[in-house]
């Protein structure tokens, strides 16, 4: 009886601790959802009172911030398309070709892209982009993002392609298909779930990046939302919480929509897999 009571009390203690820990993580998310609809951006556990849409109205009047959302879409979609296409072709070539040392090449690229990143790489990147005459262009931001994300994307897709039997393409070529047809008609549909994983990962990385566009862009009309969000700070450096909350919610919507679309179309889950 004493042992069962001890176990029972432990379970109660664990449940209480788990509930408190969950509440600590949930409170910021609750504020994030309800604060934009509150005139004072306060934490409300139900429909905020007083309920208002004035925060969003003020955000929509900020042409710089709204243009920045469009710029973020241009940079994110451009980078995702480039990373997805280049990584798929490169990973397929590395997986299917008999190139000596191809494994070492992949790991070296992955190592350098992980070690030499962020602020450590911005000086040489800036000098290269400046020499190419691409400063203050969307193309510069897209190319830099693609170059930084490509090694990891290749690594992810190569492991995925290695798990696909070569007999799929060989059977197609025996039936008369060319290598190009075997890739597009046989291999690509099987690789597609892996490409979706890379696309979502690349989109999230580009969408939330601040340093690269901040360094490479000069014009206000080219800045992405990750930079424009600082327009909702006062001259003293304090945030205007009501507008910042509304803009943050708008800023997060494309990522949420992308996740919901992939979840509906492919069965993507937060633990990083694709349903077969």
C-alpha atoms as a PDB file:
ATOM      1  CA  UNK A   1       0.000   0.000   0.000  1.00  0.00           C
ATOM      2  CA  UNK A   2       2.844   2.386   0.888  1.00  0.00           C
ATOM      3  CA  UNK A   3       4.635   1.586  -2.394  1.00  0.00           C
ATOM      4  CA  UNK A   4       1.515   2.207  -4.506  1.00  0.00           C
ATOM      5  CA  UNK A   5       0.913   5.510  -2.697  1.00  0.00           C
ATOM      6  CA  UNK A   6       4.508   6.569  -3.406  1.00  0.00           C
ATOM      7  CA  UNK A   7       4.116   5.728  -7.109  1.00  0.00           C
ATOM      8  CA  UNK A   8       0.824   7.610  -7.188  1.00  0.00           C
ATOM      9  CA  UNK A   9       2.393  10.709  -5.629  1.00  0.00           C
ATOM     10  CA  UNK A  10       5.313  10.550  -8.075  1.00  0.00           C
ATOM     11  CA  UNK A  11       2.912  10.460 -10.999  1.00  0.00           C
ATOM     12  CA  UNK A  12       1.019  13.450  -9.625  1.00  0.00           C
ATOM     13  CA  UNK A  13       4.289  15.340  -9.137  1.00  0.00           C
ATOM     14  CA  UNK A  14       5.431  14.500 -12.658  1.00  0.00           C
ATOM     15  CA  UNK A  15       2.090  15.609 -14.120  1.00  0.00           C
ATOM     16  CA  UNK A  16       2.193  18.908 -12.233  1.00  0.00           C
ATOM     17  CA  UNK A  17       5.792  19.557 -13.292  1.00  0.00           C
ATOM     18  CA  UNK A  18       4.953  18.730 -16.923  1.00  0.00           C
ATOM     19  CA  UNK A  19       1.911  21.034 -16.810  1.00  0.00           C
ATOM     20  CA  UNK A  20       3.976  23.914 -15.390  1.00  0.00           C
ATOM     21  CA  UNK A  21       6.704  23.386 -17.988  1.00  0.00           C
ATOM     22  CA  UNK A  22       4.102  23.284 -20.754  1.00  0.00           C
ATOM     23  CA  UNK A  23       2.535  26.503 -19.475  1.00  0.00           C
ATOM     24  CA  UNK A  24       5.933  28.237 -19.513  1.00  0.00           C
ATOM     25  CA  UNK A  25       6.374  27.350 -23.187  1.00  0.00           C
ATOM     26  CA  UNK A  26       2.727  28.013 -24.088  1.00  0.00           C
ATOM     27  CA  UNK A  27       2.387  31.512 -22.619  1.00  0.00           C
ATOM     28  CA  UNK A  28       4.577  33.233 -25.255  1.00  0.00           C
ATOM     29  CA  UNK A  29       2.654  31.468 -28.012  1.00  0.00           C
ATOM     30  CA  UNK A  30      -0.672  32.499 -26.487  1.00  0.00           C
ATOM     31  CA  UNK A  31       0.547  36.094 -26.335  1.00  0.00           C
ATOM     32  CA  UNK A  32       1.783  35.839 -29.928  1.00  0.00           C
ATOM     33  CA  UNK A  33      -1.681  34.789 -31.148  1.00  0.00           C
ATOM     34  CA  UNK A  34      -3.847  37.179 -29.117  1.00  0.00           C
ATOM     35  CA  UNK A  35      -1.685  40.282 -28.621  1.00  0.00           C
ATOM     36  CA  UNK A  36      -2.128  41.614 -32.208  1.00  0.00           C
ATOM     37  CA  UNK A  37      -5.878  41.846 -31.579  1.00  0.00           C
ATOM     38  CA  UNK A  38      -5.485  43.693 -28.299  1.00  0.00           C
ATOM     39  CA  UNK A  39      -5.296  47.486 -28.179  1.00  0.00           C
ATOM     40  CA  UNK A  40      -2.559  47.267 -25.542  1.00  0.00           C
ATOM     41  CA  UNK A  41      -0.941  43.999 -26.764  1.00  0.00           C
ATOM     42  CA  UNK A  42      -1.592  42.386 -23.406  1.00  0.00           C
ATOM     43  CA  UNK A  43      -1.699  38.671 -22.724  1.00  0.00           C
ATOM     44  CA  UNK A  44      -5.255  37.400 -22.985  1.00  0.00           C
ATOM     45  CA  UNK A  45      -6.281  33.835 -22.402  1.00  0.00           C
ATOM     46  CA  UNK A  46      -9.551  34.310 -24.244  1.00  0.00           C
ATOM     47  CA  UNK A  47     -10.779  36.708 -26.925  1.00  0.00           C
ATOM     48  CA  UNK A  48      -8.800  39.873 -26.110  1.00  0.00           C
ATOM     49  CA  UNK A  49     -10.675  42.769 -24.625  1.00  0.00           C
ATOM     50  CA  UNK A  50     -10.808  45.331 -25.980  1.00  0.00           C
ATOM     51  CA  UNK A  51     -10.761  43.528 -29.337  1.00  0.00           C
ATOM     52  CA  UNK A  52      -9.391  45.631 -32.190  1.00  0.00           C
ATOM     53  CA  UNK A  53      -7.939  45.411 -35.676  1.00  0.00           C
ATOM     54  CA  UNK A  54      -6.316  48.815 -35.455  1.00  0.00           C
ATOM     55  CA  UNK A  55      -2.880  47.262 -35.006  1.00  0.00           C
ATOM     56  CA  UNK A  56      -3.157  45.560 -38.387  1.00  0.00           C
ATOM     57  CA  UNK A  57      -4.546  48.731 -39.967  1.00  0.00           C
ATOM     58  CA  UNK A  58      -1.487  50.647 -38.791  1.00  0.00           C
ATOM     59  CA  UNK A  59       0.829  47.920 -40.098  1.00  0.00           C
ATOM     60  CA  UNK A  60      -0.841  47.902 -43.524  1.00  0.00           C
ATOM     61  CA  UNK A  61      -0.291  51.663 -43.749  1.00  0.00           C
ATOM     62  CA  UNK A  62       3.452  51.105 -43.340  1.00  0.00           C
ATOM     63  CA  UNK A  63       4.397  50.748 -47.022  1.00  0.00           C
ATOM     64  CA  UNK A  64       8.019  49.926 -46.161  1.00  0.00           C
ATOM     65  CA  UNK A  65       7.011  46.958 -44.005  1.00  0.00           C
ATOM     66  CA  UNK A  66       4.467  45.632 -46.516  1.00  0.00           C
ATOM     67  CA  UNK A  67       6.942  45.901 -49.398  1.00  0.00           C
ATOM     68  CA  UNK A  68       9.422  44.032 -47.217  1.00  0.00           C
ATOM     69  CA  UNK A  69       7.071  41.039 -46.975  1.00  0.00           C
ATOM     70  CA  UNK A  70       6.917  40.907 -50.777  1.00  0.00           C
ATOM     71  CA  UNK A  71      10.720  41.166 -50.944  1.00  0.00           C
ATOM     72  CA  UNK A  72      11.045  38.268 -48.508  1.00  0.00           C
ATOM     73  CA  UNK A  73       8.842  36.152 -50.774  1.00  0.00           C
ATOM     74  CA  UNK A  74      11.009  37.003 -53.802  1.00  0.00           C
ATOM     75  CA  UNK A  75      14.223  36.104 -51.994  1.00  0.00           C
ATOM     76  CA  UNK A  76      12.807  32.976 -50.340  1.00  0.00           C
ATOM     77  CA  UNK A  77      11.194  31.538 -53.466  1.00  0.00           C
ATOM     78  CA  UNK A  78      14.224  32.406 -55.600  1.00  0.00           C
ATOM     79  CA  UNK A  79      16.591  30.749 -53.153  1.00  0.00           C
ATOM     80  CA  UNK A  80      14.351  27.710 -52.688  1.00  0.00           C
ATOM     81  CA  UNK A  81      14.018  27.111 -56.441  1.00  0.00           C
ATOM     82  CA  UNK A  82      17.768  27.424 -56.962  1.00  0.00           C
ATOM     83  CA  UNK A  83      18.684  25.254 -53.973  1.00  0.00           C
ATOM     84  CA  UNK A  84      16.058  22.618 -54.777  1.00  0.00           C
ATOM     85  CA  UNK A  85      17.023  22.285 -58.459  1.00  0.00           C
ATOM     86  CA  UNK A  86      20.813  22.416 -57.976  1.00  0.00           C
ATOM     87  CA  UNK A  87      20.821  20.107 -54.941  1.00  0.00           C
ATOM     88  CA  UNK A  88      18.636  17.530 -56.693  1.00  0.00           C
ATOM     89  CA  UNK A  89      20.840  17.362 -59.789  1.00  0.00           C
ATOM     90  CA  UNK A  90      24.102  17.436 -57.823  1.00  0.00           C
ATOM     91  CA  UNK A  91      22.965  14.844 -55.266  1.00  0.00           C
ATOM     92  CA  UNK A  92      21.703  12.525 -58.004  1.00  0.00           C
ATOM     93  CA  UNK A  93      25.001  12.812 -59.886  1.00  0.00           C
ATOM     94  CA  UNK A  94      27.025  12.115 -56.737  1.00  0.00           C
ATOM     95  CA  UNK A  95      24.841   9.163 -55.821  1.00  0.00           C
ATOM     96  CA  UNK A  96      24.765   7.465 -59.208  1.00  0.00           C
ATOM     97  CA  UNK A  97      28.197   8.256 -60.665  1.00  0.00           C
ATOM     98  CA  UNK A  98      31.414   6.420 -59.862  1.00  0.00           C
ATOM     99  CA  UNK A  99      33.507   9.474 -58.973  1.00  0.00           C
ATOM    100  CA  UNK A 100      36.532   8.691 -56.772  1.00  0.00           C
ATOM    101  CA  UNK A 101      36.342  10.504 -53.455  1.00  0.00           C
ATOM    102  CA  UNK A 102      32.789  11.772 -53.950  1.00  0.00           C
ATOM    103  CA  UNK A 103      31.984  11.061 -50.313  1.00  0.00           C
ATOM    104  CA  UNK A 104      34.938  13.148 -49.158  1.00  0.00           C
ATOM    105  CA  UNK A 105      33.888  16.009 -51.444  1.00  0.00           C
ATOM    106  CA  UNK A 106      30.401  16.044 -49.938  1.00  0.00           C
ATOM    107  CA  UNK A 107      31.690  16.030 -46.360  1.00  0.00           C
ATOM    108  CA  UNK A 108      34.290  18.731 -47.057  1.00  0.00           C
ATOM    109  CA  UNK A 109      31.643  21.007 -48.591  1.00  0.00           C
ATOM    110  CA  UNK A 110      29.344  20.352 -45.645  1.00  0.00           C
ATOM    111  CA  UNK A 111      32.163  21.033 -43.179  1.00  0.00           C
ATOM    112  CA  UNK A 112      33.182  24.340 -44.742  1.00  0.00           C
ATOM    113  CA  UNK A 113      29.574  25.515 -45.116  1.00  0.00           C
ATOM    114  CA  UNK A 114      29.033  24.813 -41.405  1.00  0.00           C
ATOM    115  CA  UNK A 115      32.286  26.275 -40.071  1.00  0.00           C
ATOM    116  CA  UNK A 116      32.721  29.273 -42.377  1.00  0.00           C
ATOM    117  CA  UNK A 117      29.282  30.814 -42.064  1.00  0.00           C
ATOM    118  CA  UNK A 118      27.486  33.855 -40.729  1.00  0.00           C
ATOM    119  CA  UNK A 119      29.594  36.867 -39.805  1.00  0.00           C
ATOM    120  CA  UNK A 120      32.858  34.972 -40.421  1.00  0.00           C
ATOM    121  CA  UNK A 121      32.089  34.693 -44.136  1.00  0.00           C
ATOM    122  CA  UNK A 122      30.444  38.069 -44.707  1.00  0.00           C
ATOM    123  CA  UNK A 123      33.626  40.014 -45.551  1.00  0.00           C
ATOM    124  CA  UNK A 124      34.738  37.740 -48.430  1.00  0.00           C
ATOM    125  CA  UNK A 125      31.122  37.348 -49.566  1.00  0.00           C
ATOM    126  CA  UNK A 126      30.668  41.112 -49.641  1.00  0.00           C
ATOM    127  CA  UNK A 127      33.897  41.577 -51.626  1.00  0.00           C
ATOM    128  CA  UNK A 128      32.900  38.909 -54.178  1.00  0.00           C
ATOM    129  CA  UNK A 129      29.392  40.321 -54.594  1.00  0.00           C
ATOM    130  CA  UNK A 130      30.771  43.854 -54.875  1.00  0.00           C
ATOM    131  CA  UNK A 131      33.301  42.781 -57.530  1.00  0.00           C
ATOM    132  CA  UNK A 132      30.477  41.135 -59.482  1.00  0.00           C
ATOM    133  CA  UNK A 133      28.454  44.363 -59.357  1.00  0.00           C
ATOM    134  CA  UNK A 134      25.523  42.730 -57.591  1.00  0.00           C
ATOM    135  CA  UNK A 135      25.387  44.836 -54.425  1.00  0.00           C
ATOM    136  CA  UNK A 136      21.849  46.016 -53.670  1.00  0.00           C
ATOM    137  CA  UNK A 137      20.096  43.377 -55.800  1.00  0.00           C
ATOM    138  CA  UNK A 138      17.778  40.487 -54.986  1.00  0.00           C
ATOM    139  CA  UNK A 139      19.988  38.258 -57.142  1.00  0.00           C
ATOM    140  CA  UNK A 140      22.950  38.747 -54.801  1.00  0.00           C
ATOM    141  CA  UNK A 141      20.916  37.701 -51.767  1.00  0.00           C
ATOM    142  CA  UNK A 142      19.468  34.675 -53.587  1.00  0.00           C
ATOM    143  CA  UNK A 143      22.881  33.490 -54.811  1.00  0.00           C
ATOM    144  CA  UNK A 144      24.507  33.866 -51.380  1.00  0.00           C
ATOM    145  CA  UNK A 145      21.676  31.986 -49.682  1.00  0.00           C
ATOM    146  CA  UNK A 146      21.819  29.244 -52.310  1.00  0.00           C
ATOM    147  CA  UNK A 147      25.582  28.888 -51.973  1.00  0.00           C
ATOM    148  CA  UNK A 148      25.367  28.598 -48.209  1.00  0.00           C
ATOM    149  CA  UNK A 149      22.493  26.095 -48.137  1.00  0.00           C
ATOM    150  CA  UNK A 150      23.488  23.960 -51.127  1.00  0.00           C
ATOM    151  CA  UNK A 151      26.095  21.686 -49.430  1.00  0.00           C
ATOM    152  CA  UNK A 152      23.712  20.652 -46.662  1.00  0.00           C
ATOM    153  CA  UNK A 153      20.858  20.211 -49.149  1.00  0.00           C
ATOM    154  CA  UNK A 154      23.097  17.983 -51.295  1.00  0.00           C
ATOM    155  CA  UNK A 155      24.041  15.945 -48.231  1.00  0.00           C
ATOM    156  CA  UNK A 156      20.393  15.423 -47.258  1.00  0.00           C
ATOM    157  CA  UNK A 157      19.270  14.477 -50.761  1.00  0.00           C
ATOM    158  CA  UNK A 158      22.254  12.250 -51.499  1.00  0.00           C
ATOM    159  CA  UNK A 159      21.511  10.060 -48.483  1.00  0.00           C
ATOM    160  CA  UNK A 160      17.885   9.954 -49.603  1.00  0.00           C
ATOM    161  CA  UNK A 161      18.791   8.972 -53.199  1.00  0.00           C
ATOM    162  CA  UNK A 162      21.286   6.346 -52.013  1.00  0.00           C
ATOM    163  CA  UNK A 163      18.336   4.502 -50.493  1.00  0.00           C
ATOM    164  CA  UNK A 164      16.603   4.201 -53.882  1.00  0.00           C
ATOM    165  CA  UNK A 165      17.576   1.029 -55.826  1.00  0.00           C
ATOM    166  CA  UNK A 166      19.464   1.659 -59.063  1.00  0.00           C
ATOM    167  CA  UNK A 167      17.329  -1.057 -60.656  1.00  0.00           C
ATOM    168  CA  UNK A 168      14.502   1.470 -61.049  1.00  0.00           C
ATOM    169  CA  UNK A 169      16.421   3.546 -63.591  1.00  0.00           C
ATOM    170  CA  UNK A 170      18.130   0.483 -65.116  1.00  0.00           C
ATOM    171  CA  UNK A 171      14.761  -1.146 -65.811  1.00  0.00           C
ATOM    172  CA  UNK A 172      13.529   2.016 -67.503  1.00  0.00           C
ATOM    173  CA  UNK A 173      16.641   2.233 -69.707  1.00  0.00           C
ATOM    174  CA  UNK A 174      16.336  -1.456 -70.637  1.00  0.00           C
ATOM    175  CA  UNK A 175      12.791  -0.616 -71.782  1.00  0.00           C
ATOM    176  CA  UNK A 176      14.233   2.069 -74.086  1.00  0.00           C
ATOM    177  CA  UNK A 177      14.243   5.208 -71.950  1.00  0.00           C
ATOM    178  CA  UNK A 178      17.158   7.596 -72.151  1.00  0.00           C
ATOM    179  CA  UNK A 179      19.091   8.478 -68.964  1.00  0.00           C
ATOM    180  CA  UNK A 180      17.314  11.852 -68.923  1.00  0.00           C
ATOM    181  CA  UNK A 181      13.910  10.186 -69.214  1.00  0.00           C
ATOM    182  CA  UNK A 182      14.846   7.688 -66.513  1.00  0.00           C
ATOM    183  CA  UNK A 183      15.695  10.547 -64.186  1.00  0.00           C
ATOM    184  CA  UNK A 184      12.602  12.689 -64.796  1.00  0.00           C
ATOM    185  CA  UNK A 185      10.035   9.903 -65.219  1.00  0.00           C
ATOM    186  CA  UNK A 186      11.313   7.295 -62.763  1.00  0.00           C
ATOM    187  CA  UNK A 187      13.754   8.715 -60.216  1.00  0.00           C
ATOM    188  CA  UNK A 188      12.351  12.206 -59.703  1.00  0.00           C
ATOM    189  CA  UNK A 189       8.863  11.101 -58.530  1.00  0.00           C
ATOM    190  CA  UNK A 190      10.520   8.838 -55.956  1.00  0.00           C
ATOM    191  CA  UNK A 191      12.934  11.580 -54.844  1.00  0.00           C
ATOM    192  CA  UNK A 192      10.154  14.178 -54.546  1.00  0.00           C
ATOM    193  CA  UNK A 193       9.482  13.695 -50.788  1.00  0.00           C
ATOM    194  CA  UNK A 194      13.163  14.345 -50.073  1.00  0.00           C
ATOM    195  CA  UNK A 195      13.066  17.463 -52.246  1.00  0.00           C
ATOM    196  CA  UNK A 196      10.081  18.699 -50.241  1.00  0.00           C
ATOM    197  CA  UNK A 197      12.057  18.312 -47.006  1.00  0.00           C
ATOM    198  CA  UNK A 198      14.898  20.388 -48.501  1.00  0.00           C
ATOM    199  CA  UNK A 199      12.458  23.014 -49.823  1.00  0.00           C
ATOM    200  CA  UNK A 200      10.802  23.522 -46.430  1.00  0.00           C
ATOM    201  CA  UNK A 201      14.166  23.621 -44.654  1.00  0.00           C
ATOM    202  CA  UNK A 202      15.628  26.116 -47.147  1.00  0.00           C
ATOM    203  CA  UNK A 203      12.523  28.343 -47.064  1.00  0.00           C
ATOM    204  CA  UNK A 204      12.571  28.604 -43.275  1.00  0.00           C
ATOM    205  CA  UNK A 205      16.300  29.409 -43.256  1.00  0.00           C
ATOM    206  CA  UNK A 206      16.000  32.128 -45.900  1.00  0.00           C
ATOM    207  CA  UNK A 207      12.782  33.586 -44.502  1.00  0.00           C
ATOM    208  CA  UNK A 208      14.243  34.173 -41.050  1.00  0.00           C
ATOM    209  CA  UNK A 209      17.702  35.363 -42.091  1.00  0.00           C
ATOM    210  CA  UNK A 210      18.734  38.903 -41.158  1.00  0.00           C
ATOM    211  CA  UNK A 211      22.480  39.338 -41.639  1.00  0.00           C
ATOM    212  CA  UNK A 212      22.898  38.568 -45.357  1.00  0.00           C
ATOM    213  CA  UNK A 213      20.236  40.949 -46.739  1.00  0.00           C
ATOM    214  CA  UNK A 214      21.194  43.595 -44.170  1.00  0.00           C
ATOM    215  CA  UNK A 215      24.789  43.574 -45.431  1.00  0.00           C
ATOM    216  CA  UNK A 216      24.172  43.191 -49.178  1.00  0.00           C
ATOM    217  CA  UNK A 217      21.202  45.517 -49.675  1.00  0.00           C
ATOM    218  CA  UNK A 218      21.146  49.306 -49.555  1.00  0.00           C
ATOM    219  CA  UNK A 219      17.728  50.366 -50.838  1.00  0.00           C
ATOM    220  CA  UNK A 220      14.752  50.389 -48.494  1.00  0.00           C
ATOM    221  CA  UNK A 221      12.499  49.052 -51.241  1.00  0.00           C
ATOM    222  CA  UNK A 222      14.604  45.843 -51.427  1.00  0.00           C
ATOM    223  CA  UNK A 223      14.840  45.040 -47.717  1.00  0.00           C
ATOM    224  CA  UNK A 224      13.109  41.837 -46.505  1.00  0.00           C
ATOM    225  CA  UNK A 225      10.721  41.587 -43.580  1.00  0.00           C
ATOM    226  CA  UNK A 226      13.453  40.293 -41.248  1.00  0.00           C
ATOM    227  CA  UNK A 227      15.109  43.726 -41.571  1.00  0.00           C
ATOM    228  CA  UNK A 228      11.941  45.808 -41.867  1.00  0.00           C
ATOM    229  CA  UNK A 229      10.607  44.506 -38.568  1.00  0.00           C
ATOM    230  CA  UNK A 230      12.978  46.963 -36.867  1.00  0.00           C
ATOM    231  CA  UNK A 231      10.889  49.839 -38.266  1.00  0.00           C
ATOM    232  CA  UNK A 232       8.472  49.072 -35.429  1.00  0.00           C
ATOM    233  CA  UNK A 233      10.970  50.322 -32.875  1.00  0.00           C
ATOM    234  CA  UNK A 234      10.984  53.861 -31.577  1.00  0.00           C
ATOM    235  CA  UNK A 235      13.919  56.239 -31.971  1.00  0.00           C
ATOM    236  CA  UNK A 236      14.949  55.321 -28.428  1.00  0.00           C
ATOM    237  CA  UNK A 237      15.195  51.656 -29.455  1.00  0.00           C
ATOM    238  CA  UNK A 238      12.122  50.443 -27.567  1.00  0.00           C
ATOM    239  CA  UNK A 239       9.642  48.246 -29.445  1.00  0.00           C
ATOM    240  CA  UNK A 240       6.169  49.480 -30.310  1.00  0.00           C
ATOM    241  CA  UNK A 241       4.675  46.276 -28.983  1.00  0.00           C
ATOM    242  CA  UNK A 242       1.214  46.586 -30.524  1.00  0.00           C
ATOM    243  CA  UNK A 243       2.516  47.011 -34.079  1.00  0.00           C
ATOM    244  CA  UNK A 244       5.388  44.587 -33.571  1.00  0.00           C
ATOM    245  CA  UNK A 245       2.957  41.877 -32.459  1.00  0.00           C
ATOM    246  CA  UNK A 246       0.706  42.414 -35.484  1.00  0.00           C
ATOM    247  CA  UNK A 247       3.601  42.432 -37.953  1.00  0.00           C
ATOM    248  CA  UNK A 248       5.182  39.359 -36.337  1.00  0.00           C
ATOM    249  CA  UNK A 249       1.956  37.442 -36.840  1.00  0.00           C
ATOM    250  CA  UNK A 250       1.841  38.458 -40.517  1.00  0.00           C
ATOM    251  CA  UNK A 251       5.524  37.589 -40.857  1.00  0.00           C
ATOM    252  CA  UNK A 252       4.970  34.059 -39.558  1.00  0.00           C
ATOM    253  CA  UNK A 253       1.973  33.278 -41.805  1.00  0.00           C
ATOM    254  CA  UNK A 254       3.910  32.183 -44.955  1.00  0.00           C
ATOM    255  CA  UNK A 255       5.865  29.581 -42.981  1.00  0.00           C
ATOM    256  CA  UNK A 256       2.671  28.296 -41.353  1.00  0.00           C
ATOM    257  CA  UNK A 257       0.881  28.173 -44.716  1.00  0.00           C
ATOM    258  CA  UNK A 258       3.810  26.294 -46.263  1.00  0.00           C
ATOM    259  CA  UNK A 259       3.788  23.747 -43.452  1.00  0.00           C
ATOM    260  CA  UNK A 260       0.017  23.239 -43.719  1.00  0.00           C
ATOM    261  CA  UNK A 261       0.241  22.831 -47.503  1.00  0.00           C
ATOM    262  CA  UNK A 262       3.057  20.275 -47.248  1.00  0.00           C
ATOM    263  CA  UNK A 263       1.235  18.510 -44.432  1.00  0.00           C
ATOM    264  CA  UNK A 264      -1.887  18.268 -46.601  1.00  0.00           C
ATOM    265  CA  UNK A 265      -0.060  17.294 -49.790  1.00  0.00           C
ATOM    266  CA  UNK A 266       2.717  15.018 -48.543  1.00  0.00           C
ATOM    267  CA  UNK A 267       2.032  14.236 -44.884  1.00  0.00           C
ATOM    268  CA  UNK A 268       5.017  16.184 -43.554  1.00  0.00           C
ATOM    269  CA  UNK A 269       5.480  16.060 -39.798  1.00  0.00           C
ATOM    270  CA  UNK A 270       7.482  18.191 -37.352  1.00  0.00           C
ATOM    271  CA  UNK A 271       9.801  15.272 -36.592  1.00  0.00           C
ATOM    272  CA  UNK A 272      11.148  15.665 -40.126  1.00  0.00           C
ATOM    273  CA  UNK A 273       9.797  12.719 -42.077  1.00  0.00           C
ATOM    274  CA  UNK A 274       7.520  12.019 -44.986  1.00  0.00           C
ATOM    275  CA  UNK A 275       4.806   9.420 -44.888  1.00  0.00           C
ATOM    276  CA  UNK A 276       5.283   6.673 -47.402  1.00  0.00           C
END
